[in-house]
Protein backbone atom coordinates (compact mmCIF):
# COMPACT_ATOMS: atom_id res chain seq x y z
CA MET A 1 -45.77 -19.35 -13.63
CA PRO A 2 -42.07 -18.48 -13.13
CA GLU A 3 -39.66 -21.28 -14.23
CA PRO A 4 -37.67 -22.18 -11.50
CA SER A 5 -34.60 -21.09 -11.69
CA VAL A 6 -31.33 -23.68 -12.51
CA ALA A 7 -27.92 -23.18 -10.88
CA GLY A 8 -25.22 -22.31 -12.94
CA ARG A 9 -21.42 -21.80 -12.64
CA SER A 10 -19.20 -18.67 -13.17
CA ILE A 11 -15.71 -19.67 -15.09
CA VAL A 12 -13.18 -17.13 -13.44
CA THR A 13 -9.76 -17.28 -15.89
CA ARG A 14 -6.85 -17.50 -14.54
CA ARG A 15 -5.29 -13.96 -16.24
CA ALA A 16 -8.34 -12.50 -14.26
CA ILE A 17 -6.87 -13.65 -11.18
CA VAL A 18 -3.12 -12.04 -12.07
CA ASP A 19 -5.11 -8.95 -12.47
CA ILE A 20 -7.18 -8.71 -9.28
CA VAL A 21 -3.95 -10.23 -7.79
CA ARG A 22 -1.38 -7.40 -9.45
CA THR A 23 -4.15 -4.54 -8.81
CA ALA A 24 -4.07 -5.45 -5.04
CA VAL A 25 -0.56 -5.85 -4.69
CA GLN A 26 0.80 -2.39 -5.76
CA GLY A 27 -1.76 -0.74 -4.33
CA SER A 28 -0.21 -1.82 -1.25
CA TYR A 29 2.30 0.72 0.57
CA GLY A 30 5.80 -0.01 0.81
CA VAL A 31 5.90 -2.32 -2.49
CA THR A 32 8.16 -1.01 -5.23
CA GLY A 33 7.19 -3.00 -7.83
CA PHE A 34 7.28 -7.27 -8.77
CA SER A 35 10.62 -8.36 -9.77
CA ASP A 36 11.38 -12.38 -10.90
CA PRO A 37 14.59 -14.61 -9.30
CA SER A 38 14.82 -16.51 -12.55
CA PHE A 39 16.90 -15.51 -15.26
CA SER A 40 14.58 -17.23 -18.23
CA ARG A 41 11.60 -15.45 -16.89
CA ARG A 42 13.52 -12.43 -17.00
CA LEU A 43 14.16 -12.85 -20.97
CA LEU A 44 10.53 -14.24 -21.41
CA ARG A 45 9.23 -10.71 -19.48
CA TRP A 46 11.92 -8.19 -22.10
CA VAL A 47 10.45 -10.04 -25.24
CA GLY A 48 6.62 -9.68 -23.50
CA LEU A 49 5.69 -12.99 -23.52
CA ASP A 50 5.28 -12.68 -19.42
CA ARG A 51 5.21 -10.65 -16.60
CA PRO A 52 6.41 -10.89 -13.89
CA GLY A 53 5.92 -11.43 -10.19
CA ILE A 54 3.29 -12.98 -9.28
CA ARG A 55 3.54 -17.07 -10.23
CA LEU A 56 -0.28 -19.15 -9.64
CA THR A 57 -0.94 -22.75 -8.90
CA THR A 58 -4.36 -24.23 -8.95
CA GLU A 59 -4.03 -27.67 -7.97
CA GLY A 60 -5.57 -28.33 -4.20
CA GLY A 61 -6.74 -24.76 -4.01
CA LEU A 62 -5.27 -21.53 -5.39
CA ARG A 63 -1.91 -20.94 -4.39
CA LEU A 64 0.31 -17.82 -5.21
CA ASP A 65 4.29 -16.99 -5.01
CA LEU A 66 4.50 -13.47 -5.42
CA TYR A 67 7.81 -11.79 -6.17
CA ILE A 68 7.72 -8.22 -5.10
CA THR A 69 10.56 -5.12 -4.19
CA VAL A 70 9.62 -2.81 -1.36
CA ALA A 71 10.53 0.82 -0.16
CA PHE A 72 14.05 1.31 1.39
CA GLY A 73 13.46 2.46 4.43
CA VAL A 74 9.71 1.02 5.10
CA PRO A 75 9.77 -2.30 7.42
CA VAL A 76 9.36 -5.06 5.46
CA ALA A 77 7.52 -7.21 7.81
CA GLU A 78 4.35 -4.25 7.79
CA VAL A 79 4.55 -4.43 3.83
CA ALA A 80 4.99 -8.17 3.96
CA ARG A 81 1.28 -8.51 6.48
CA GLN A 82 -0.18 -5.27 4.41
CA VAL A 83 0.27 -7.21 0.71
CA ASP A 84 -1.23 -10.63 2.68
CA SER A 85 -4.25 -9.11 3.76
CA ALA A 86 -4.55 -6.69 0.45
CA VAL A 87 -4.99 -10.05 -2.17
CA ARG A 88 -6.48 -11.74 1.32
CA TYR A 89 -9.54 -9.78 0.67
CA SER A 90 -9.35 -9.15 -2.82
CA LEU A 91 -9.99 -12.27 -4.23
CA ARG A 92 -12.90 -13.35 -1.77
CA HIS A 93 -13.91 -10.06 -2.42
CA TYR A 94 -14.12 -9.94 -6.44
CA VAL A 95 -14.21 -14.07 -6.96
CA GLY A 96 -15.01 -15.65 -3.51
CA ALA A 97 -12.23 -17.67 -3.40
CA ASP A 98 -9.99 -18.18 -0.48
CA VAL A 99 -6.64 -19.05 -1.13
CA LYS A 100 -4.78 -21.90 0.44
CA ALA A 101 -1.37 -20.54 0.64
CA LEU A 102 0.31 -16.90 0.02
CA THR A 103 3.51 -17.13 -0.22
CA ILE A 104 5.93 -13.35 -0.21
CA HIS A 105 9.32 -12.93 -1.78
CA VAL A 106 10.53 -9.84 -1.03
CA ASP A 107 13.71 -9.82 -3.57
CA GLY A 108 15.03 -6.61 -2.83
CA LEU A 109 15.24 -3.26 -1.40
CA ARG A 110 14.64 -0.59 -3.51
CA TYR A 111 15.93 3.52 -2.58
CA GLN A 112 13.36 6.27 -3.90
CA PRO A 113 15.31 9.52 -3.57
CA ALA A 114 12.60 11.48 -4.20
CA ALA A 115 9.73 9.63 -1.79
CA VAL A 116 12.79 9.82 0.70
CA GLU A 117 13.28 13.84 0.15
CA ARG A 118 9.32 13.74 0.16
CA ALA A 119 8.74 12.37 4.12
CA GLU A 120 11.67 14.47 4.60
CA ALA A 121 9.76 17.60 3.67
CA ILE A 122 6.86 16.27 5.56
CA GLU A 123 8.31 15.58 8.40
CA ARG A 124 10.29 19.09 8.53
CA ALA A 125 6.46 20.77 7.93
CA GLU A 126 4.83 18.74 10.98
CA ALA A 127 7.49 19.97 13.32
CA ALA A 128 7.37 23.26 11.90
CA GLU A 129 3.45 23.45 13.00
CA ARG A 130 3.83 22.14 16.49
CA PRO A 131 4.66 24.78 18.75
CA GLU A 132 7.83 24.23 20.84
CA PRO A 133 7.90 24.07 24.84
CA GLY A 134 8.37 27.65 26.05
CA ALA A 135 6.25 29.19 22.94
CA GLU A 136 2.32 28.09 24.05
CA ALA A 137 3.61 30.62 27.22
CA SER A 138 5.12 33.16 25.50
CA ALA A 139 1.73 33.08 23.18
CA GLY A 140 -0.34 32.75 26.23
CA GLN A 141 1.23 36.10 27.47
CA THR A 142 0.85 37.71 24.26
CA MET A 143 -2.87 36.94 24.32
CA ALA A 144 -3.35 38.51 27.84
CA ALA A 145 -1.23 41.16 26.60
CA ALA A 146 -3.37 41.83 23.68
CA GLY A 147 -6.37 41.76 25.82
CA LYS A 148 -5.06 44.49 28.11
CA ALA A 149 -4.34 46.85 25.25
CA SER A 150 -7.94 46.42 23.86
CA ARG A 151 -8.91 47.46 27.04
CA LYS A 152 -7.32 50.86 26.97
CA ARG A 153 -8.29 51.42 23.63
CA LYS A 154 -12.19 51.75 24.44
CA PRO A 155 -13.14 55.66 24.22
CA ARG A 156 -15.87 56.15 27.13
């Protein structure tokens, strides 16, 4: 007879939670990176002892403070909503933990000319694919003329 299973427990480290949050934030649209407002944390990061942008406390539930920079030209509120949703979903999915409090601090906007040029190129390409209002009628007339020409060429 098999032995009855005993309930166990799993332990998730702070570093694992921070890595899950970091991945979720970096995968969010419009986020260009993390930042830290305090000079001492910047110094620790420069030395290699700290990673920027995420402060985690576990007293009274999971509480997160995120310090991010956002791409110039995207709606900041939409980026914050998307980051909030991505972080909460990731932690619920991977760890099974709900976030008690999540505060997102947008510390700056980052202008990326390459990204802006790409967006403008996409807009130009989409505009070129769309027919002009008068072009639809002329295309229809061209198709009708082509049909008449093909009927005249048939041998008897």
